[in-house]
C-alpha atoms as a PDB file:
ATOM      1  CA  MET A   1     -16.231   6.595   0.658  1.00  0.00           C
ATOM      2  CA  SER A   2     -14.295   4.570  -1.892  1.00  0.00           C
ATOM      3  CA  GLY A   3     -11.001   5.058   0.104  1.00  0.00           C
ATOM      4  CA  ALA A   4     -12.754   3.746   3.207  1.00  0.00           C
ATOM      5  CA  PHE A   5     -14.291   0.869   1.334  1.00  0.00           C
ATOM      6  CA  MET A   6     -11.078  -0.205  -0.214  1.00  0.00           C
ATOM      7  CA  SER A   7      -8.818   0.115   2.888  1.00  0.00           C
ATOM      8  CA  PRO A   8      -9.394  -3.472   4.167  1.00  0.00           C
ATOM      9  CA  PHE A   9      -8.011  -4.784   0.869  1.00  0.00           C
ATOM     10  CA  HIS A  10      -4.879  -2.654   1.210  1.00  0.00           C
ATOM     11  CA  ARG A  11      -4.230  -4.289   4.576  1.00  0.00           C
ATOM     12  CA  PRO A  12      -4.780  -8.056   4.191  1.00  0.00           C
ATOM     13  CA  ARG A  13      -3.194  -8.977   7.427  1.00  0.00           C
ATOM     14  CA  CYS A  14      -5.883  -6.991   9.340  1.00  0.00           C
ATOM     15  CA  LEU A  15      -8.719  -8.343   7.167  1.00  0.00           C
ATOM     16  CA  ALA A  16     -10.572 -10.133   9.954  1.00  0.00           C
ATOM     17  CA  ALA A  17     -10.579  -7.145  12.303  1.00  0.00           C
ATOM     18  CA  ALA A  18     -11.095  -4.410   9.727  1.00  0.00           C
ATOM     19  CA  ALA A  19     -13.512  -5.774   7.053  1.00  0.00           C
ATOM     20  CA  PRO A  20     -17.176  -4.806   7.414  1.00  0.00           C
ATOM     21  CA  ALA A  21     -18.274  -7.245   4.774  1.00  0.00           C
ATOM     22  CA  GLY A  22     -19.865 -10.594   5.666  1.00  0.00           C
ATOM     23  CA  LYS A  23     -17.338 -13.070   4.361  1.00  0.00           C
ATOM     24  CA  ALA A  24     -14.602 -11.839   6.666  1.00  0.00           C
ATOM     25  CA  LYS A  25     -16.810 -12.471   9.660  1.00  0.00           C
ATOM     26  CA  LEU A  26     -17.831 -16.123   8.838  1.00  0.00           C
ATOM     27  CA  THR A  27     -16.348 -18.892  10.885  1.00  0.00           C
ATOM     28  CA  HIS A  28     -15.526 -21.986   8.908  1.00  0.00           C
ATOM     29  CA  PRO A  29     -17.570 -25.028  10.196  1.00  0.00           C
ATOM     30  CA  GLY A  30     -14.309 -27.012  10.374  1.00  0.00           C
ATOM     31  CA  LYS A  31     -12.828 -24.501  12.832  1.00  0.00           C
ATOM     32  CA  ALA A  32     -16.126 -24.531  14.806  1.00  0.00           C
ATOM     33  CA  ILE A  33     -16.082 -28.335  15.084  1.00  0.00           C
ATOM     34  CA  LEU A  34     -12.432 -28.441  16.345  1.00  0.00           C
ATOM     35  CA  ALA A  35     -12.943 -25.375  18.605  1.00  0.00           C
ATOM     36  CA  GLY A  36     -16.205 -26.785  19.970  1.00  0.00           C
ATOM     37  CA  GLY A  37     -14.731 -30.178  20.725  1.00  0.00           C
ATOM     38  CA  ILE A  38     -11.814 -28.713  22.718  1.00  0.00           C
ATOM     39  CA  ALA A  39     -14.218 -26.390  24.672  1.00  0.00           C
ATOM     40  CA  GLY A  40     -16.599 -29.226  25.532  1.00  0.00           C
ATOM     41  CA  GLY A  41     -13.776 -31.463  26.790  1.00  0.00           C
ATOM     42  CA  ILE A  42     -12.266 -28.870  29.052  1.00  0.00           C
ATOM     43  CA  GLU A  43     -15.761 -27.706  30.380  1.00  0.00           C
ATOM     44  CA  ILE A  44     -17.010 -31.105  31.373  1.00  0.00           C
ATOM     45  CA  CYS A  45     -13.860 -31.918  33.411  1.00  0.00           C
ATOM     46  CA  ILE A  46     -14.573 -28.709  35.435  1.00  0.00           C
ATOM     47  CA  THR A  47     -18.302 -29.007  35.994  1.00  0.00           C
ATOM     48  CA  PHE A  48     -18.987 -32.760  36.199  1.00  0.00           C
ATOM     49  CA  PRO A  49     -19.506 -32.970  40.030  1.00  0.00           C
ATOM     50  CA  THR A  50     -22.558 -30.726  39.876  1.00  0.00           C
ATOM     51  CA  GLU A  51     -23.925 -32.873  36.959  1.00  0.00           C
ATOM     52  CA  TYR A  52     -23.506 -35.939  39.036  1.00  0.00           C
ATOM     53  CA  VAL A  53     -25.439 -34.410  42.020  1.00  0.00           C
ATOM     54  CA  LYS A  54     -28.238 -33.059  39.717  1.00  0.00           C
ATOM     55  CA  THR A  55     -28.679 -36.576  38.263  1.00  0.00           C
ATOM     56  CA  GLN A  56     -28.698 -38.239  41.628  1.00  0.00           C
ATOM     57  CA  LEU A  57     -31.289 -35.845  43.006  1.00  0.00           C
ATOM     58  CA  GLN A  58     -33.577 -36.294  39.993  1.00  0.00           C
ATOM     59  CA  LEU A  59     -33.309 -40.171  40.215  1.00  0.00           C
ATOM     60  CA  ASP A  60     -34.107 -40.029  43.927  1.00  0.00           C
ATOM     61  CA  GLU A  61     -37.865 -40.230  43.480  1.00  0.00           C
ATOM     62  CA  LYS A  62     -40.429 -39.447  46.012  1.00  0.00           C
ATOM     63  CA  ALA A  63     -42.178 -42.714  45.294  1.00  0.00           C
ATOM     64  CA  SER A  64     -39.600 -44.625  47.382  1.00  0.00           C
ATOM     65  CA  PRO A  65     -38.141 -43.064  50.689  1.00  0.00           C
ATOM     66  CA  PRO A  66     -35.700 -40.371  49.497  1.00  0.00           C
ATOM     67  CA  LYS A  67     -32.084 -41.310  50.048  1.00  0.00           C
ATOM     68  CA  TYR A  68     -30.874 -37.682  50.057  1.00  0.00           C
ATOM     69  CA  LYS A  69     -32.065 -34.719  52.022  1.00  0.00           C
ATOM     70  CA  GLY A  70     -30.626 -32.209  49.698  1.00  0.00           C
ATOM     71  CA  ILE A  71     -27.480 -31.160  47.659  1.00  0.00           C
ATOM     72  CA  GLY A  72     -25.148 -31.065  50.606  1.00  0.00           C
ATOM     73  CA  ASP A  73     -26.345 -34.437  51.794  1.00  0.00           C
ATOM     74  CA  CYS A  74     -25.910 -36.006  48.427  1.00  0.00           C
ATOM     75  CA  VAL A  75     -22.301 -34.684  48.268  1.00  0.00           C
ATOM     76  CA  LYS A  76     -21.610 -35.860  51.824  1.00  0.00           C
ATOM     77  CA  GLN A  77     -22.931 -39.425  51.387  1.00  0.00           C
ATOM     78  CA  THR A  78     -21.161 -39.811  48.014  1.00  0.00           C
ATOM     79  CA  VAL A  79     -17.748 -38.764  49.422  1.00  0.00           C
ATOM     80  CA  GLN A  80     -18.276 -40.926  52.521  1.00  0.00           C
ATOM     81  CA  SER A  81     -19.031 -43.906  50.382  1.00  0.00           C
ATOM     82  CA  HIS A  82     -16.740 -43.552  47.449  1.00  0.00           C
ATOM     83  CA  GLY A  83     -14.341 -40.651  48.374  1.00  0.00           C
ATOM     84  CA  VAL A  84     -13.905 -37.469  46.256  1.00  0.00           C
ATOM     85  CA  LYS A  85     -13.454 -39.632  43.263  1.00  0.00           C
ATOM     86  CA  GLY A  86     -17.123 -40.733  43.706  1.00  0.00           C
ATOM     87  CA  LEU A  87     -18.300 -37.374  42.416  1.00  0.00           C
ATOM     88  CA  TYR A  88     -16.589 -38.109  39.167  1.00  0.00           C
ATOM     89  CA  ARG A  89     -18.088 -41.579  38.701  1.00  0.00           C
ATOM     90  CA  GLY A  90     -19.593 -41.702  35.189  1.00  0.00           C
ATOM     91  CA  LEU A  91     -17.237 -38.901  33.963  1.00  0.00           C
ATOM     92  CA  SER A  92     -15.753 -41.095  31.117  1.00  0.00           C
ATOM     93  CA  SER A  93     -19.206 -41.592  29.554  1.00  0.00           C
ATOM     94  CA  LEU A  94     -20.050 -37.930  29.679  1.00  0.00           C
ATOM     95  CA  LEU A  95     -16.523 -36.954  28.400  1.00  0.00           C
ATOM     96  CA  TYR A  96     -16.839 -39.231  25.390  1.00  0.00           C
ATOM     97  CA  GLY A  97     -20.120 -37.545  24.633  1.00  0.00           C
ATOM     98  CA  SER A  98     -19.289 -33.956  25.592  1.00  0.00           C
ATOM     99  CA  ILE A  99     -16.441 -33.448  22.992  1.00  0.00           C
ATOM    100  CA  PRO A 100     -18.501 -34.643  19.940  1.00  0.00           C
ATOM    101  CA  LYS A 101     -21.670 -33.008  21.341  1.00  0.00           C
ATOM    102  CA  SER A 102     -20.025 -29.530  21.517  1.00  0.00           C
ATOM    103  CA  ALA A 103     -18.233 -30.061  18.261  1.00  0.00           C
ATOM    104  CA  VAL A 104     -21.629 -30.872  16.440  1.00  0.00           C
ATOM    105  CA  ARG A 105     -23.344 -27.996  18.246  1.00  0.00           C
ATOM    106  CA  PHE A 106     -20.997 -25.304  17.061  1.00  0.00           C
ATOM    107  CA  GLY A 107     -20.230 -26.918  13.688  1.00  0.00           C
ATOM    108  CA  VAL A 108     -23.951 -27.018  12.825  1.00  0.00           C
ATOM    109  CA  PHE A 109     -24.670 -23.552  14.285  1.00  0.00           C
ATOM    110  CA  GLU A 110     -21.939 -21.854  12.352  1.00  0.00           C
ATOM    111  CA  PHE A 111     -22.685 -23.806   9.137  1.00  0.00           C
ATOM    112  CA  LEU A 112     -26.521 -22.532   9.575  1.00  0.00           C
ATOM    113  CA  SER A 113     -25.544 -19.128  10.716  1.00  0.00           C
ATOM    114  CA  ASN A 114     -23.078 -18.661   7.747  1.00  0.00           C
ATOM    115  CA  HIS A 115     -26.144 -18.901   5.521  1.00  0.00           C
ATOM    116  CA  ALA A 116     -28.440 -16.741   7.717  1.00  0.00           C
ATOM    117  CA  LYS A 117     -26.139 -13.725   8.297  1.00  0.00           C
ATOM    118  CA  ASP A 118     -26.803 -10.517   6.208  1.00  0.00           C
ATOM    119  CA  GLU A 119     -24.296  -9.012   3.884  1.00  0.00           C
ATOM    120  CA  SER A 120     -22.482  -7.219   6.867  1.00  0.00           C
ATOM    121  CA  GLY A 121     -22.010 -10.433   8.723  1.00  0.00           C
ATOM    122  CA  ARG A 122     -24.685  -9.794  11.190  1.00  0.00           C
ATOM    123  CA  LEU A 123     -27.038 -12.402  12.551  1.00  0.00           C
ATOM    124  CA  ASP A 124     -30.250 -11.261  13.993  1.00  0.00           C
ATOM    125  CA  SER A 125     -31.769 -12.623  17.163  1.00  0.00           C
ATOM    126  CA  THR A 126     -34.576 -14.576  15.571  1.00  0.00           C
ATOM    127  CA  ARG A 127     -32.233 -16.228  13.066  1.00  0.00           C
ATOM    128  CA  GLY A 128     -29.898 -16.969  15.929  1.00  0.00           C
ATOM    129  CA  LEU A 129     -32.729 -18.865  17.694  1.00  0.00           C
ATOM    130  CA  LEU A 130     -33.465 -20.919  14.591  1.00  0.00           C
ATOM    131  CA  CYS A 131     -29.861 -21.714  14.084  1.00  0.00           C
ATOM    132  CA  GLY A 132     -29.575 -22.794  17.686  1.00  0.00           C
ATOM    133  CA  LEU A 133     -32.763 -24.916  17.455  1.00  0.00           C
ATOM    134  CA  GLY A 134     -31.169 -26.717  14.369  1.00  0.00           C
ATOM    135  CA  ALA A 135     -27.859 -27.242  16.207  1.00  0.00           C
ATOM    136  CA  GLY A 136     -29.643 -28.580  19.306  1.00  0.00           C
ATOM    137  CA  VAL A 137     -31.780 -31.042  17.450  1.00  0.00           C
ATOM    138  CA  MET A 138     -28.656 -32.371  15.468  1.00  0.00           C
ATOM    139  CA  GLU A 139     -26.634 -32.783  18.676  1.00  0.00           C
ATOM    140  CA  ALA A 140     -29.575 -34.546  20.315  1.00  0.00           C
ATOM    141  CA  VAL A 141     -29.937 -37.118  17.554  1.00  0.00           C
ATOM    142  CA  LEU A 142     -26.303 -37.695  16.750  1.00  0.00           C
ATOM    143  CA  VAL A 143     -24.702 -37.565  20.150  1.00  0.00           C
ATOM    144  CA  VAL A 144     -26.608 -36.474  23.242  1.00  0.00           C
ATOM    145  CA  CYS A 145     -29.514 -39.175  23.416  1.00  0.00           C
ATOM    146  CA  PRO A 146     -27.198 -42.282  23.201  1.00  0.00           C
ATOM    147  CA  MET A 147     -24.458 -40.802  25.441  1.00  0.00           C
ATOM    148  CA  GLU A 148     -26.882 -39.392  27.976  1.00  0.00           C
ATOM    149  CA  THR A 149     -28.677 -42.666  28.255  1.00  0.00           C
ATOM    150  CA  VAL A 150     -25.380 -44.476  28.941  1.00  0.00           C
ATOM    151  CA  LYS A 151     -24.379 -41.830  31.570  1.00  0.00           C
ATOM    152  CA  VAL A 152     -27.703 -41.915  33.523  1.00  0.00           C
ATOM    153  CA  LYS A 153     -27.582 -45.751  33.503  1.00  0.00           C
ATOM    154  CA  PHE A 154     -24.071 -45.680  34.708  1.00  0.00           C
ATOM    155  CA  ILE A 155     -24.780 -43.297  37.519  1.00  0.00           C
ATOM    156  CA  HIS A 156     -28.022 -45.136  38.542  1.00  0.00           C
ATOM    157  CA  ASP A 157     -26.120 -48.379  38.434  1.00  0.00           C
ATOM    158  CA  GLN A 158     -23.526 -47.178  40.849  1.00  0.00           C
ATOM    159  CA  THR A 159     -26.301 -46.529  43.394  1.00  0.00           C
ATOM    160  CA  SER A 160     -27.480 -50.065  43.332  1.00  0.00           C
ATOM    161  CA  ALA A 161     -26.294 -52.761  45.851  1.00  0.00           C
ATOM    162  CA  LYS A 162     -24.409 -54.672  43.164  1.00  0.00           C
ATOM    163  CA  PRO A 163     -23.224 -52.489  40.270  1.00  0.00           C
ATOM    164  CA  LYS A 164     -22.911 -54.518  37.106  1.00  0.00           C
ATOM    165  CA  TYR A 165     -21.125 -52.000  34.773  1.00  0.00           C
ATOM    166  CA  LYS A 166     -17.336 -52.268  35.068  1.00  0.00           C
ATOM    167  CA  GLY A 167     -16.477 -49.417  32.881  1.00  0.00           C
ATOM    168  CA  PHE A 168     -17.627 -47.195  29.967  1.00  0.00           C
ATOM    169  CA  PHE A 169     -17.175 -49.624  27.008  1.00  0.00           C
ATOM    170  CA  HIS A 170     -18.431 -52.546  29.200  1.00  0.00           C
ATOM    171  CA  GLY A 171     -21.477 -50.574  30.063  1.00  0.00           C
ATOM    172  CA  VAL A 172     -22.234 -49.703  26.341  1.00  0.00           C
ATOM    173  CA  ARG A 173     -21.817 -53.453  25.403  1.00  0.00           C
ATOM    174  CA  GLU A 174     -24.166 -54.634  28.107  1.00  0.00           C
ATOM    175  CA  ILE A 175     -26.831 -51.966  27.342  1.00  0.00           C
ATOM    176  CA  ILE A 176     -26.772 -52.864  23.603  1.00  0.00           C
ATOM    177  CA  ARG A 177     -26.668 -56.654  24.381  1.00  0.00           C
ATOM    178  CA  GLU A 178     -29.707 -56.341  26.677  1.00  0.00           C
ATOM    179  CA  ARG A 179     -31.801 -53.731  24.899  1.00  0.00           C
ATOM    180  CA  GLY A 180     -30.341 -53.495  21.464  1.00  0.00           C
ATOM    181  CA  LEU A 181     -29.267 -50.209  19.715  1.00  0.00           C
ATOM    182  CA  ARG A 182     -32.679 -48.798  20.482  1.00  0.00           C
ATOM    183  CA  GLY A 183     -31.708 -49.133  24.185  1.00  0.00           C
ATOM    184  CA  THR A 184     -29.401 -46.192  23.767  1.00  0.00           C
ATOM    185  CA  TYR A 185     -32.167 -44.044  22.293  1.00  0.00           C
ATOM    186  CA  GLN A 186     -34.573 -44.155  25.328  1.00  0.00           C
ATOM    187  CA  GLY A 187     -36.192 -40.659  25.705  1.00  0.00           C
ATOM    188  CA  LEU A 188     -35.280 -39.384  22.274  1.00  0.00           C
ATOM    189  CA  THR A 189     -38.345 -37.168  22.004  1.00  0.00           C
ATOM    190  CA  ALA A 190     -37.596 -35.556  25.406  1.00  0.00           C
ATOM    191  CA  THR A 191     -33.917 -35.170  24.452  1.00  0.00           C
ATOM    192  CA  VAL A 192     -34.673 -33.580  21.118  1.00  0.00           C
ATOM    193  CA  LEU A 193     -37.109 -31.188  22.835  1.00  0.00           C
ATOM    194  CA  LYS A 194     -34.693 -30.410  25.599  1.00  0.00           C
ATOM    195  CA  GLN A 195     -31.609 -29.916  23.456  1.00  0.00           C
ATOM    196  CA  GLY A 196     -33.455 -28.043  20.761  1.00  0.00           C
ATOM    197  CA  SER A 197     -35.008 -25.673  23.249  1.00  0.00           C
ATOM    198  CA  ASN A 198     -31.838 -25.460  25.174  1.00  0.00           C
ATOM    199  CA  GLN A 199     -29.604 -24.193  22.243  1.00  0.00           C
ATOM    200  CA  ALA A 200     -32.456 -22.112  20.780  1.00  0.00           C
ATOM    201  CA  ILE A 201     -32.710 -20.168  24.089  1.00  0.00           C
ATOM    202  CA  ARG A 202     -28.917 -20.010  24.560  1.00  0.00           C
ATOM    203  CA  PHE A 203     -27.978 -18.855  21.017  1.00  0.00           C
ATOM    204  CA  PHE A 204     -30.964 -16.445  21.049  1.00  0.00           C
ATOM    205  CA  VAL A 205     -29.690 -14.748  24.251  1.00  0.00           C
ATOM    206  CA  MET A 206     -26.010 -14.823  23.101  1.00  0.00           C
ATOM    207  CA  THR A 207     -26.889 -13.427  19.639  1.00  0.00           C
ATOM    208  CA  SER A 208     -29.130 -10.690  21.306  1.00  0.00           C
ATOM    209  CA  LEU A 209     -26.415  -9.701  23.903  1.00  0.00           C
ATOM    210  CA  LYS A 210     -23.464  -9.664  21.340  1.00  0.00           C
ATOM    211  CA  ASN A 211     -25.506  -7.577  18.959  1.00  0.00           C
ATOM    212  CA  TRP A 212     -26.337  -5.187  21.696  1.00  0.00           C
ATOM    213  CA  TYR A 213     -22.840  -4.971  22.894  1.00  0.00           C
ATOM    214  CA  LYS A 214     -21.392  -4.425  19.367  1.00  0.00           C
ATOM    215  CA  GLY A 215     -23.933  -1.897  18.398  1.00  0.00           C
ATOM    216  CA  ASP A 216     -23.230  -0.351  14.981  1.00  0.00           C
ATOM    217  CA  ASN A 217     -19.759  -2.048  14.825  1.00  0.00           C
ATOM    218  CA  PRO A 218     -20.122  -5.738  13.938  1.00  0.00           C
ATOM    219  CA  ASN A 219     -16.356  -6.209  14.180  1.00  0.00           C
ATOM    220  CA  LYS A 220     -16.009  -4.925  17.741  1.00  0.00           C
ATOM    221  CA  THR A 221     -14.020  -7.500  19.845  1.00  0.00           C
ATOM    222  CA  ILE A 222     -15.597  -8.869  22.994  1.00  0.00           C
ATOM    223  CA  ASN A 223     -13.561  -9.371  26.204  1.00  0.00           C
ATOM    224  CA  PRO A 224     -13.589 -13.034  27.276  1.00  0.00           C
ATOM    225  CA  LEU A 225     -14.983 -11.948  30.696  1.00  0.00           C
ATOM    226  CA  VAL A 226     -17.914 -10.279  28.956  1.00  0.00           C
ATOM    227  CA  THR A 227     -18.309 -13.355  26.693  1.00  0.00           C
ATOM    228  CA  GLY A 228     -18.405 -15.454  29.928  1.00  0.00           C
ATOM    229  CA  MET A 229     -20.988 -13.158  31.518  1.00  0.00           C
ATOM    230  CA  PHE A 230     -23.288 -13.425  28.454  1.00  0.00           C
ATOM    231  CA  GLY A 231     -22.853 -17.154  28.374  1.00  0.00           C
ATOM    232  CA  ALA A 232     -23.819 -17.436  32.140  1.00  0.00           C
ATOM    233  CA  ILE A 233     -27.024 -15.369  31.369  1.00  0.00           C
ATOM    234  CA  ALA A 234     -27.858 -17.559  28.354  1.00  0.00           C
ATOM    235  CA  GLY A 235     -27.283 -20.658  30.441  1.00  0.00           C
ATOM    236  CA  ALA A 236     -29.583 -19.476  33.249  1.00  0.00           C
ATOM    237  CA  ALA A 237     -32.360 -18.571  30.735  1.00  0.00           C
ATOM    238  CA  SER A 238     -32.203 -22.084  29.336  1.00  0.00           C
ATOM    239  CA  VAL A 239     -32.415 -23.693  32.826  1.00  0.00           C
ATOM    240  CA  PHE A 240     -35.522 -21.948  33.846  1.00  0.00           C
ATOM    241  CA  GLY A 241     -36.928 -22.466  30.331  1.00  0.00           C
ATOM    242  CA  ASN A 242     -36.653 -26.266  30.171  1.00  0.00           C
ATOM    243  CA  THR A 243     -35.797 -27.944  33.492  1.00  0.00           C
ATOM    244  CA  PRO A 244     -39.135 -29.933  33.307  1.00  0.00           C
ATOM    245  CA  LEU A 245     -37.920 -31.524  30.028  1.00  0.00           C
ATOM    246  CA  ASP A 246     -34.506 -32.332  31.635  1.00  0.00           C
ATOM    247  CA  VAL A 247     -36.324 -34.199  34.501  1.00  0.00           C
ATOM    248  CA  ILE A 248     -38.532 -36.129  32.083  1.00  0.00           C
ATOM    249  CA  LYS A 249     -35.459 -36.963  29.975  1.00  0.00           C
ATOM    250  CA  THR A 250     -33.483 -38.199  32.943  1.00  0.00           C
ATOM    251  CA  ARG A 251     -36.408 -40.431  34.114  1.00  0.00           C
ATOM    252  CA  MET A 252     -36.890 -41.834  30.612  1.00  0.00           C
ATOM    253  CA  GLN A 253     -33.119 -42.845  30.466  1.00  0.00           C
ATOM    254  CA  GLY A 254     -32.794 -44.349  33.924  1.00  0.00           C
ATOM    255  CA  LEU A 255     -32.764 -47.970  34.856  1.00  0.00           C
ATOM    256  CA  GLU A 256     -36.520 -47.757  35.618  1.00  0.00           C
ATOM    257  CA  ALA A 257     -37.468 -46.315  32.238  1.00  0.00           C
ATOM    258  CA  HIS A 258     -39.696 -49.353  31.727  1.00  0.00           C
ATOM    259  CA  LYS A 259     -42.309 -47.833  34.065  1.00  0.00           C
ATOM    260  CA  TYR A 260     -43.158 -45.210  31.464  1.00  0.00           C
ATOM    261  CA  LYS A 261     -44.780 -46.028  28.081  1.00  0.00           C
ATOM    262  CA  SER A 262     -43.732 -42.703  26.398  1.00  0.00           C
ATOM    263  CA  THR A 263     -42.472 -39.183  27.176  1.00  0.00           C
ATOM    264  CA  VAL A 264     -46.027 -37.911  27.670  1.00  0.00           C
ATOM    265  CA  ASP A 265     -46.794 -40.931  29.984  1.00  0.00           C
ATOM    266  CA  CYS A 266     -43.706 -40.093  32.047  1.00  0.00           C
ATOM    267  CA  ALA A 267     -44.781 -36.464  32.390  1.00  0.00           C
ATOM    268  CA  ILE A 268     -48.326 -37.476  33.468  1.00  0.00           C
ATOM    269  CA  LYS A 269     -47.086 -39.959  36.007  1.00  0.00           C
ATOM    270  CA  ILE A 270     -44.637 -37.479  37.536  1.00  0.00           C
ATOM    271  CA  LEU A 271     -47.442 -34.872  37.796  1.00  0.00           C
ATOM    272  CA  ARG A 272     -49.883 -37.336  39.278  1.00  0.00           C
ATOM    273  CA  HIS A 273     -47.604 -38.992  41.781  1.00  0.00           C
ATOM    274  CA  GLU A 274     -45.146 -36.331  42.820  1.00  0.00           C
ATOM    275  CA  GLY A 275     -46.814 -33.018  42.025  1.00  0.00           C
ATOM    276  CA  PRO A 276     -45.654 -30.022  39.877  1.00  0.00           C
ATOM    277  CA  ALA A 277     -42.616 -29.256  42.088  1.00  0.00           C
ATOM    278  CA  ALA A 278     -40.992 -32.633  40.962  1.00  0.00           C
ATOM    279  CA  PHE A 279     -40.459 -31.049  37.473  1.00  0.00           C
ATOM    280  CA  TYR A 280     -37.932 -28.741  39.108  1.00  0.00           C
ATOM    281  CA  LYS A 281     -36.020 -31.216  41.119  1.00  0.00           C
ATOM    282  CA  GLY A 282     -32.225 -30.547  40.851  1.00  0.00           C
ATOM    283  CA  THR A 283     -32.825 -26.984  39.483  1.00  0.00           C
ATOM    284  CA  VAL A 284     -30.188 -25.388  41.925  1.00  0.00           C
ATOM    285  CA  PRO A 285     -27.272 -27.624  41.090  1.00  0.00           C
ATOM    286  CA  ARG A 286     -28.317 -27.595  37.426  1.00  0.00           C
ATOM    287  CA  LEU A 287     -28.367 -23.791  37.459  1.00  0.00           C
ATOM    288  CA  GLY A 288     -24.828 -23.640  38.929  1.00  0.00           C
ATOM    289  CA  ARG A 289     -23.496 -26.198  36.490  1.00  0.00           C
ATOM    290  CA  VAL A 290     -25.089 -24.831  33.307  1.00  0.00           C
ATOM    291  CA  CYS A 291     -24.171 -21.157  33.984  1.00  0.00           C
ATOM    292  CA  LEU A 292     -20.587 -22.281  34.491  1.00  0.00           C
ATOM    293  CA  ASP A 293     -20.837 -24.688  31.642  1.00  0.00           C
ATOM    294  CA  VAL A 294     -22.060 -22.235  29.007  1.00  0.00           C
ATOM    295  CA  ALA A 295     -19.842 -19.476  30.245  1.00  0.00           C
ATOM    296  CA  ILE A 296     -16.731 -21.619  29.961  1.00  0.00           C
ATOM    297  CA  VAL A 297     -17.680 -23.255  26.633  1.00  0.00           C
ATOM    298  CA  PHE A 298     -18.237 -19.852  25.007  1.00  0.00           C
ATOM    299  CA  ILE A 299     -15.009 -18.310  26.347  1.00  0.00           C
ATOM    300  CA  ILE A 300     -12.916 -21.266  25.242  1.00  0.00           C
ATOM    301  CA  TYR A 301     -14.726 -21.591  21.941  1.00  0.00           C
ATOM    302  CA  GLU A 302     -14.229 -17.968  21.011  1.00  0.00           C
ATOM    303  CA  GLU A 303     -10.626 -17.932  22.104  1.00  0.00           C
ATOM    304  CA  VAL A 304      -9.754 -21.116  20.287  1.00  0.00           C
ATOM    305  CA  VAL A 305     -11.415 -19.869  17.072  1.00  0.00           C
ATOM    306  CA  LYS A 306      -9.113 -16.716  17.296  1.00  0.00           C
ATOM    307  CA  ILE A 307      -6.083 -18.894  17.526  1.00  0.00           C
ATOM    308  CA  LEU A 308      -7.237 -20.998  14.646  1.00  0.00           C
ATOM    309  CA  ASN A 309      -7.924 -17.984  12.506  1.00  0.00           C
ATOM    310  CA  THR A 310      -4.216 -17.235  12.736  1.00  0.00           C
ATOM    311  CA  VAL A 311      -2.955 -20.650  11.800  1.00  0.00           C
ATOM    312  CA  TRP A 312      -5.756 -21.973   9.585  1.00  0.00           C
ATOM    313  CA  LYS A 313      -6.669 -19.631   6.734  1.00  0.00           C
ATOM    314  CA  THR A 314      -9.982 -20.376   5.208  1.00  0.00           C
ATOM    315  CA  GLU A 315     -10.776 -17.086   3.318  1.00  0.00           C
END
């Protein structure tokens, strides 16, 4: 027993792979922030067109004559009017937000989970859910709400007859000048609920699947493709769990947000004027984007952390 216990210390170069103790399995929050930022930047460049379509469909309210007949029609009209580049309108605002969002998410999650793991370095599903909730709330307050507000106003502005925002920084200046800093925090309650539940669901599913896959060996490596599959499942679970909150958040951050007194008022008006089905507008494009999004982010994050572990020693 003692020989098996001491073996990791006789082979320091294999510490991360061989040690059963908790400390060897912890990911430094600094590494998580850097890896998360890199993963977020790459992911959004790949998946943005589906985010654009999702937002357009949600803003295409039934109250006025619908502009789009569906996903295909939305893509067709956008390409006809603005070319393929039209599907990337508003990318800059989301890119500027995606990098710090993912950095904060993984940084906070690793910080919290490092304190929640047991002595063997294992994080149980319930604690994974709570750590994910904390990460989601922090990213909502620090990054998501202001950046998503700018993004939605950008995309909504491009659909108007005379777009007034010339670029990302010009748009931010105009929004703050017209509405003050509070103007970038429209829909904060809905955003906190959405991001908190999003990450709680995703990290709960990821933690559960990873624990199941590793079994009694907490140091078992996971193939990137398996990580991606787990991420896609986690993403799908979060979509079905909180799409209504995403719809409310989008309405609260649009150019016609003044129609709603609060998050609850927005939900009531959508239900009264458009029916329950309106809460699931844009589900299909969101499902595709989120599954790809979460799969890509977790794959890149895990692989970047592996690289950082070889060049950045924190033990």
